[in-house]
């Protein structure tokens, strides 16, 4: 069910219609296209994490590194989704807005990843607070947007 939800999210980011938006980089369509292309490998990665068994770690530091890497990927995903919407709002083209907004409707599927991380933490004798992870994602995603925004 969780993997299906992420597959659905990835399917909402069709690359074929995005090719039609392939214009000058400063145009909103091309800018949105860039961010939607960047999220595709992240979603694929998360599908893999959800489909596989939890990794086992011998040391706490290894667990923490893996966990931090996964949360960083969630931050990057959210930053690209947010930035795609920021770019789409610069145009009155409804198709561009729909393309940018469609994946955002499914951001809740990323919560499934946090649930999986919680299960993995338990299996590795670790713990974390899911609400604190989401606060971190929200806080860092807004900062990360500045790093991933295309130059104008």
C-alpha atoms as a PDB file:
ATOM      1  CA  UNK A   1       0.000   0.000   0.000  1.00  0.00           C
ATOM      2  CA  UNK A   2       2.765   2.431   0.943  1.00  0.00           C
ATOM      3  CA  UNK A   3       4.851   1.545  -2.110  1.00  0.00           C
ATOM      4  CA  UNK A   4       1.758   1.928  -4.290  1.00  0.00           C
ATOM      5  CA  UNK A   5       1.175   5.406  -2.866  1.00  0.00           C
ATOM      6  CA  UNK A   6       4.706   6.480  -3.744  1.00  0.00           C
ATOM      7  CA  UNK A   7       4.411   4.908  -7.175  1.00  0.00           C
ATOM      8  CA  UNK A   8       1.252   6.958  -7.655  1.00  0.00           C
ATOM      9  CA  UNK A   9       3.142  10.062  -6.566  1.00  0.00           C
ATOM     10  CA  UNK A  10       5.884   9.356  -9.090  1.00  0.00           C
ATOM     11  CA  UNK A  11       3.278   8.744 -11.784  1.00  0.00           C
ATOM     12  CA  UNK A  12       1.897  12.216 -11.135  1.00  0.00           C
ATOM     13  CA  UNK A  13       5.202  13.631 -12.263  1.00  0.00           C
ATOM     14  CA  UNK A  14       5.028  12.541 -15.884  1.00  0.00           C
ATOM     15  CA  UNK A  15       8.097  13.584 -17.798  1.00  0.00           C
ATOM     16  CA  UNK A  16       6.503  13.461 -21.263  1.00  0.00           C
ATOM     17  CA  UNK A  17       4.238  16.513 -20.734  1.00  0.00           C
ATOM     18  CA  UNK A  18       7.175  18.282 -19.146  1.00  0.00           C
ATOM     19  CA  UNK A  19       9.117  18.070 -22.385  1.00  0.00           C
ATOM     20  CA  UNK A  20       6.535  20.408 -23.907  1.00  0.00           C
ATOM     21  CA  UNK A  21       7.462  22.914 -21.212  1.00  0.00           C
ATOM     22  CA  UNK A  22      11.114  22.797 -22.223  1.00  0.00           C
ATOM     23  CA  UNK A  23      11.714  26.490 -22.807  1.00  0.00           C
ATOM     24  CA  UNK A  24      14.297  29.020 -21.763  1.00  0.00           C
ATOM     25  CA  UNK A  25      15.459  28.324 -18.179  1.00  0.00           C
ATOM     26  CA  UNK A  26      14.110  31.639 -16.930  1.00  0.00           C
ATOM     27  CA  UNK A  27      10.553  30.735 -17.973  1.00  0.00           C
ATOM     28  CA  UNK A  28       8.324  29.255 -15.264  1.00  0.00           C
ATOM     29  CA  UNK A  29       7.597  26.066 -17.232  1.00  0.00           C
ATOM     30  CA  UNK A  30      11.263  25.168 -17.545  1.00  0.00           C
ATOM     31  CA  UNK A  31      11.886  26.048 -13.916  1.00  0.00           C
ATOM     32  CA  UNK A  32       8.994  23.847 -12.766  1.00  0.00           C
ATOM     33  CA  UNK A  33      10.220  21.082 -15.066  1.00  0.00           C
ATOM     34  CA  UNK A  34      13.640  21.169 -13.425  1.00  0.00           C
ATOM     35  CA  UNK A  35      12.233  20.709  -9.918  1.00  0.00           C
ATOM     36  CA  UNK A  36       9.828  17.954 -10.921  1.00  0.00           C
ATOM     37  CA  UNK A  37      12.654  16.059 -12.602  1.00  0.00           C
ATOM     38  CA  UNK A  38      14.732  16.384  -9.437  1.00  0.00           C
ATOM     39  CA  UNK A  39      12.055  14.745  -7.282  1.00  0.00           C
ATOM     40  CA  UNK A  40      11.683  11.651  -9.487  1.00  0.00           C
ATOM     41  CA  UNK A  41      14.884   9.906  -8.276  1.00  0.00           C
ATOM     42  CA  UNK A  42      14.047  10.835  -4.682  1.00  0.00           C
ATOM     43  CA  UNK A  43      10.644   9.181  -4.950  1.00  0.00           C
ATOM     44  CA  UNK A  44      12.245   6.117  -6.527  1.00  0.00           C
ATOM     45  CA  UNK A  45      14.724   5.972  -3.648  1.00  0.00           C
ATOM     46  CA  UNK A  46      11.919   6.163  -1.084  1.00  0.00           C
ATOM     47  CA  UNK A  47      10.014   3.404  -2.880  1.00  0.00           C
ATOM     48  CA  UNK A  48      13.081   1.224  -2.453  1.00  0.00           C
ATOM     49  CA  UNK A  49      13.433   2.048   1.228  1.00  0.00           C
ATOM     50  CA  UNK A  50       9.777   1.225   1.807  1.00  0.00           C
ATOM     51  CA  UNK A  51       9.975  -2.024  -0.155  1.00  0.00           C
ATOM     52  CA  UNK A  52      13.106  -3.378   1.539  1.00  0.00           C
ATOM     53  CA  UNK A  53      13.572  -4.682   5.041  1.00  0.00           C
ATOM     54  CA  UNK A  54      15.089  -2.271   7.509  1.00  0.00           C
ATOM     55  CA  UNK A  55      18.870  -2.183   7.443  1.00  0.00           C
ATOM     56  CA  UNK A  56      20.616  -3.391  10.586  1.00  0.00           C
ATOM     57  CA  UNK A  57      23.492  -1.424  12.043  1.00  0.00           C
ATOM     58  CA  UNK A  58      26.168  -2.606  14.467  1.00  0.00           C
ATOM     59  CA  UNK A  59      26.881   0.864  15.806  1.00  0.00           C
ATOM     60  CA  UNK A  60      24.669   3.738  16.842  1.00  0.00           C
ATOM     61  CA  UNK A  61      26.679   6.159  14.658  1.00  0.00           C
ATOM     62  CA  UNK A  62      25.926   4.072  11.564  1.00  0.00           C
ATOM     63  CA  UNK A  63      22.206   4.152  12.339  1.00  0.00           C
ATOM     64  CA  UNK A  64      22.285   7.903  12.917  1.00  0.00           C
ATOM     65  CA  UNK A  65      24.132   8.530   9.637  1.00  0.00           C
ATOM     66  CA  UNK A  66      21.613   6.441   7.681  1.00  0.00           C
ATOM     67  CA  UNK A  67      18.679   8.087   9.425  1.00  0.00           C
ATOM     68  CA  UNK A  68      20.058  11.594   8.846  1.00  0.00           C
ATOM     69  CA  UNK A  69      20.649  10.816   5.157  1.00  0.00           C
ATOM     70  CA  UNK A  70      17.040   9.668   4.749  1.00  0.00           C
ATOM     71  CA  UNK A  71      15.668  12.744   6.497  1.00  0.00           C
ATOM     72  CA  UNK A  72      17.910  14.947   4.332  1.00  0.00           C
ATOM     73  CA  UNK A  73      16.371  13.325   1.259  1.00  0.00           C
ATOM     74  CA  UNK A  74      12.891  14.123   2.591  1.00  0.00           C
ATOM     75  CA  UNK A  75      14.023  17.731   3.115  1.00  0.00           C
ATOM     76  CA  UNK A  76      15.276  17.875  -0.465  1.00  0.00           C
ATOM     77  CA  UNK A  77      12.029  16.392  -1.798  1.00  0.00           C
ATOM     78  CA  UNK A  78       9.908  18.916   0.071  1.00  0.00           C
ATOM     79  CA  UNK A  79      12.187  21.778  -0.987  1.00  0.00           C
ATOM     80  CA  UNK A  80      11.860  20.831  -4.668  1.00  0.00           C
ATOM     81  CA  UNK A  81       8.083  20.443  -4.368  1.00  0.00           C
ATOM     82  CA  UNK A  82       7.801  23.813  -2.664  1.00  0.00           C
ATOM     83  CA  UNK A  83      10.093  25.523  -5.149  1.00  0.00           C
ATOM     84  CA  UNK A  84       8.207  24.038  -8.108  1.00  0.00           C
ATOM     85  CA  UNK A  85       5.041  25.601  -6.726  1.00  0.00           C
ATOM     86  CA  UNK A  86       6.789  28.942  -6.142  1.00  0.00           C
ATOM     87  CA  UNK A  87       7.898  28.907  -9.775  1.00  0.00           C
ATOM     88  CA  UNK A  88       4.479  27.828 -11.054  1.00  0.00           C
ATOM     89  CA  UNK A  89       2.797  30.727  -9.284  1.00  0.00           C
ATOM     90  CA  UNK A  90       4.802  33.057 -11.531  1.00  0.00           C
ATOM     91  CA  UNK A  91       2.611  32.133 -14.493  1.00  0.00           C
ATOM     92  CA  UNK A  92      -1.064  32.109 -15.294  1.00  0.00           C
ATOM     93  CA  UNK A  93      -0.630  28.887 -17.320  1.00  0.00           C
ATOM     94  CA  UNK A  94      -2.984  26.419 -15.666  1.00  0.00           C
ATOM     95  CA  UNK A  95      -1.167  23.370 -17.051  1.00  0.00           C
ATOM     96  CA  UNK A  96       2.115  24.414 -15.472  1.00  0.00           C
ATOM     97  CA  UNK A  97       0.340  25.089 -12.177  1.00  0.00           C
ATOM     98  CA  UNK A  98      -1.384  21.685 -12.272  1.00  0.00           C
ATOM     99  CA  UNK A  99       1.895  19.904 -12.988  1.00  0.00           C
ATOM    100  CA  UNK A 100       3.611  21.656 -10.098  1.00  0.00           C
ATOM    101  CA  UNK A 101       0.747  21.188  -7.677  1.00  0.00           C
ATOM    102  CA  UNK A 102      -0.213  17.565  -8.373  1.00  0.00           C
ATOM    103  CA  UNK A 103       2.716  15.947  -6.516  1.00  0.00           C
ATOM    104  CA  UNK A 104       2.187  18.274  -3.525  1.00  0.00           C
ATOM    105  CA  UNK A 105      -1.222  16.714  -2.922  1.00  0.00           C
ATOM    106  CA  UNK A 106       0.580  13.502  -2.076  1.00  0.00           C
ATOM    107  CA  UNK A 107       3.211  14.823   0.317  1.00  0.00           C
ATOM    108  CA  UNK A 108       1.427  12.865   3.028  1.00  0.00           C
ATOM    109  CA  UNK A 109       2.840   9.734   1.452  1.00  0.00           C
ATOM    110  CA  UNK A 110       6.229  10.878   2.698  1.00  0.00           C
ATOM    111  CA  UNK A 111       4.798  10.333   6.167  1.00  0.00           C
ATOM    112  CA  UNK A 112       4.848   6.630   5.343  1.00  0.00           C
ATOM    113  CA  UNK A 113       8.603   6.904   5.087  1.00  0.00           C
ATOM    114  CA  UNK A 114       8.805   8.397   8.574  1.00  0.00           C
ATOM    115  CA  UNK A 115       6.698   5.485   9.841  1.00  0.00           C
ATOM    116  CA  UNK A 116       9.136   3.089   8.182  1.00  0.00           C
ATOM    117  CA  UNK A 117      12.057   4.952   9.749  1.00  0.00           C
ATOM    118  CA  UNK A 118      10.348   4.560  13.129  1.00  0.00           C
ATOM    119  CA  UNK A 119      10.077   0.805  12.593  1.00  0.00           C
ATOM    120  CA  UNK A 120      13.745   0.680  11.556  1.00  0.00           C
ATOM    121  CA  UNK A 121      14.718   2.666  14.639  1.00  0.00           C
ATOM    122  CA  UNK A 122      12.904   0.171  16.843  1.00  0.00           C
ATOM    123  CA  UNK A 123      14.667  -2.745  15.153  1.00  0.00           C
ATOM    124  CA  UNK A 124      18.026  -1.068  15.747  1.00  0.00           C
ATOM    125  CA  UNK A 125      17.325  -0.211  19.376  1.00  0.00           C
ATOM    126  CA  UNK A 126      16.980   3.481  18.587  1.00  0.00           C
ATOM    127  CA  UNK A 127      14.156   5.977  18.743  1.00  0.00           C
ATOM    128  CA  UNK A 128      13.158   9.419  17.539  1.00  0.00           C
ATOM    129  CA  UNK A 129      10.165  11.699  17.699  1.00  0.00           C
ATOM    130  CA  UNK A 130       8.268  11.812  14.370  1.00  0.00           C
ATOM    131  CA  UNK A 131       6.903  15.316  15.106  1.00  0.00           C
ATOM    132  CA  UNK A 132      10.461  16.561  15.617  1.00  0.00           C
ATOM    133  CA  UNK A 133      11.437  15.045  12.261  1.00  0.00           C
ATOM    134  CA  UNK A 134       8.606  16.936  10.548  1.00  0.00           C
ATOM    135  CA  UNK A 135       9.611  20.168  12.272  1.00  0.00           C
ATOM    136  CA  UNK A 136      13.142  19.607  11.000  1.00  0.00           C
ATOM    137  CA  UNK A 137      11.854  18.934   7.482  1.00  0.00           C
ATOM    138  CA  UNK A 138       9.750  22.102   7.485  1.00  0.00           C
ATOM    139  CA  UNK A 139      12.550  24.225   8.903  1.00  0.00           C
ATOM    140  CA  UNK A 140      15.310  22.909   6.654  1.00  0.00           C
ATOM    141  CA  UNK A 141      13.210  22.669   3.473  1.00  0.00           C
ATOM    142  CA  UNK A 142      12.605  26.408   3.454  1.00  0.00           C
ATOM    143  CA  UNK A 143      16.352  27.008   3.831  1.00  0.00           C
ATOM    144  CA  UNK A 144      17.151  24.426   1.183  1.00  0.00           C
ATOM    145  CA  UNK A 145      14.866  26.121  -1.345  1.00  0.00           C
ATOM    146  CA  UNK A 146      17.356  28.962  -1.616  1.00  0.00           C
ATOM    147  CA  UNK A 147      20.084  26.453  -2.509  1.00  0.00           C
ATOM    148  CA  UNK A 148      18.090  24.640  -5.185  1.00  0.00           C
ATOM    149  CA  UNK A 149      16.368  27.602  -6.829  1.00  0.00           C
ATOM    150  CA  UNK A 150      17.561  28.158 -10.360  1.00  0.00           C
ATOM    151  CA  UNK A 151      19.290  31.484 -10.956  1.00  0.00           C
ATOM    152  CA  UNK A 152      17.164  34.061 -12.723  1.00  0.00           C
END
